[in-house]
C-alpha cells in the first residue's frame, strides 16, 4: 500500500512523519519517491569529531573537497551539518593530510546560512 501522498517538508523535520501530508491519495507505484543522500565526515591525520579533512559520500564512494575558494562560510556550513554552531577556522592546503579518494567537490561556495554542504554551489572539476 501507499502510506503517504503529497508530502511537504520544510527541511528541519527530524522524521518524514513530521512533514505535512495527506492520508487520502491518488498516487500509484510508478510515482514512488526516491532519494540519493550525500553524507559528510571529517578524516585525516589527527582528525576528531570537530576537526579534520572534509570528506563527502557520493555514489557509493567517499571523496574529498578541494580547497579552491574554501573559506569560513564553507567551514561553518560543514560544522553546522555535523552539529556544531559555527566554525573556528577554515584550514587549507591539506592541513589534516591528503585524501586518497576522488576529489568530489571543487570551488565550494556557501553563503554561510545553508544547513548542509550539499546545498552550496560547487564545481565537479577542480
Protein backbone atom coordinates (compact mmCIF):
# COMPACT_ATOMS: atom_id res chain seq x y z
CA UNK A 1 0.00 0.00 0.00
CA UNK A 2 0.95 3.63 -0.42
CA UNK A 3 1.08 5.22 3.02
CA UNK A 4 1.92 8.85 2.21
CA UNK A 5 0.97 11.26 -0.56
CA UNK A 6 1.59 14.96 -1.17
CA UNK A 7 4.40 15.03 1.41
CA UNK A 8 5.61 18.57 2.11
CA UNK A 9 8.72 19.07 4.25
CA UNK A 10 10.33 22.38 5.20
CA UNK A 11 13.75 20.81 5.78
CA UNK A 12 14.05 20.98 9.57
CA UNK A 13 11.89 17.96 10.39
CA UNK A 14 13.68 15.11 12.17
CA UNK A 15 11.45 12.46 10.60
CA UNK A 16 9.38 12.20 7.44
CA UNK A 17 6.28 11.68 9.58
CA UNK A 18 6.69 15.23 10.92
CA UNK A 19 6.12 16.70 7.44
CA UNK A 20 2.66 17.64 6.26
CA UNK A 21 0.93 15.03 4.10
CA UNK A 22 -2.46 13.67 3.09
CA UNK A 23 -3.73 10.25 4.12
CA UNK A 24 -6.09 10.07 1.12
CA UNK A 25 -4.12 9.75 -2.03
CA UNK A 26 -4.27 9.49 -5.78
CA UNK A 27 -0.78 8.04 -6.02
CA UNK A 28 0.31 4.89 -7.88
CA UNK A 29 3.55 2.93 -7.51
CA UNK A 30 5.04 4.46 -10.64
CA UNK A 31 5.13 7.64 -8.53
CA UNK A 32 7.05 6.09 -5.60
CA UNK A 33 9.52 8.60 -4.14
CA UNK A 34 13.28 8.07 -4.29
CA UNK A 35 16.29 9.75 -2.73
CA UNK A 36 20.02 9.90 -3.19
CA UNK A 37 21.70 11.06 0.03
CA UNK A 38 25.11 12.59 0.42
CA UNK A 39 26.90 12.17 3.72
CA UNK A 40 29.78 14.10 5.22
CA UNK A 41 32.60 13.21 7.61
CA UNK A 42 35.93 14.50 8.88
CA UNK A 43 39.03 12.41 8.25
CA UNK A 44 42.77 12.68 8.09
CA UNK A 45 45.77 12.94 10.37
CA UNK A 46 44.74 13.76 13.96
CA UNK A 47 41.08 14.18 12.94
CA UNK A 48 38.44 14.37 15.66
CA UNK A 49 34.66 14.76 15.64
CA UNK A 50 35.12 18.53 15.27
CA UNK A 51 38.20 18.95 13.06
CA UNK A 52 39.68 17.24 10.05
CA UNK A 53 39.68 16.91 6.28
CA UNK A 54 36.18 17.31 4.81
CA UNK A 55 35.00 14.16 3.01
CA UNK A 56 31.68 13.53 1.29
CA UNK A 57 29.97 10.27 0.33
CA UNK A 58 28.57 10.28 -3.18
CA UNK A 59 27.50 7.43 -5.47
CA UNK A 60 28.91 4.81 -3.11
CA UNK A 61 32.36 6.42 -2.79
CA UNK A 62 34.00 8.64 -0.17
CA UNK A 63 35.92 11.57 -1.64
CA UNK A 64 37.38 14.89 -0.65
CA UNK A 65 36.59 18.58 -1.14
CA UNK A 66 39.12 20.78 -2.93
CA UNK A 67 40.13 23.90 -1.01
CA UNK A 68 39.79 26.24 -4.01
CA UNK A 69 37.70 29.18 -2.71
CA UNK A 70 37.36 27.40 0.70
CA UNK A 71 36.59 29.90 3.46
CA UNK A 72 34.98 30.32 6.88
CA UNK A 73 31.46 30.38 5.40
CA UNK A 74 32.01 26.93 3.85
CA UNK A 75 33.53 25.62 7.08
CA UNK A 76 30.61 26.99 9.11
CA UNK A 77 28.14 25.05 6.98
CA UNK A 78 30.13 21.82 7.45
CA UNK A 79 30.30 22.41 11.21
CA UNK A 80 26.55 23.10 11.34
CA UNK A 81 25.86 19.89 9.41
CA UNK A 82 27.97 18.00 11.96
CA UNK A 83 26.04 19.54 14.86
CA UNK A 84 28.32 22.44 15.82
CA UNK A 85 27.05 26.05 15.86
CA UNK A 86 29.95 27.60 13.89
CA UNK A 87 33.49 27.06 12.60
CA UNK A 88 36.57 28.35 14.40
CA UNK A 89 38.73 28.26 11.26
CA UNK A 90 38.87 27.01 7.67
CA UNK A 91 42.34 25.43 7.22
CA UNK A 92 43.55 24.85 3.66
CA UNK A 93 46.44 23.08 1.92
CA UNK A 94 45.63 19.57 3.26
CA UNK A 95 46.12 20.64 6.88
CA UNK A 96 44.91 17.18 8.01
CA UNK A 97 46.76 15.23 5.33
CA UNK A 98 45.95 14.46 1.72
CA UNK A 99 42.95 12.27 0.93
CA UNK A 100 43.15 9.07 -1.06
CA UNK A 101 39.77 9.00 -2.80
CA UNK A 102 38.49 11.14 -5.65
CA UNK A 103 38.03 14.89 -5.26
CA UNK A 104 34.23 15.17 -5.42
CA UNK A 105 33.74 18.90 -4.84
CA UNK A 106 35.72 21.83 -6.18
CA UNK A 107 35.29 25.57 -5.62
CA UNK A 108 32.60 25.21 -2.95
CA UNK A 109 30.67 28.46 -2.48
CA UNK A 110 28.49 28.61 0.63
CA UNK A 111 26.84 31.78 1.85
CA UNK A 112 27.11 30.53 5.42
CA UNK A 113 23.41 30.11 6.18
CA UNK A 114 22.94 26.74 4.43
CA UNK A 115 22.04 23.75 6.62
CA UNK A 116 24.22 21.32 4.65
CA UNK A 117 27.23 21.42 2.36
CA UNK A 118 25.12 19.79 -0.35
CA UNK A 119 23.05 22.98 -0.56
CA UNK A 120 26.10 25.05 -1.54
CA UNK A 121 27.16 25.55 -5.13
CA UNK A 122 30.32 23.83 -6.30
CA UNK A 123 32.09 22.64 -9.40
CA UNK A 124 32.72 18.98 -10.07
CA UNK A 125 36.02 19.83 -11.74
CA UNK A 126 38.94 21.09 -9.75
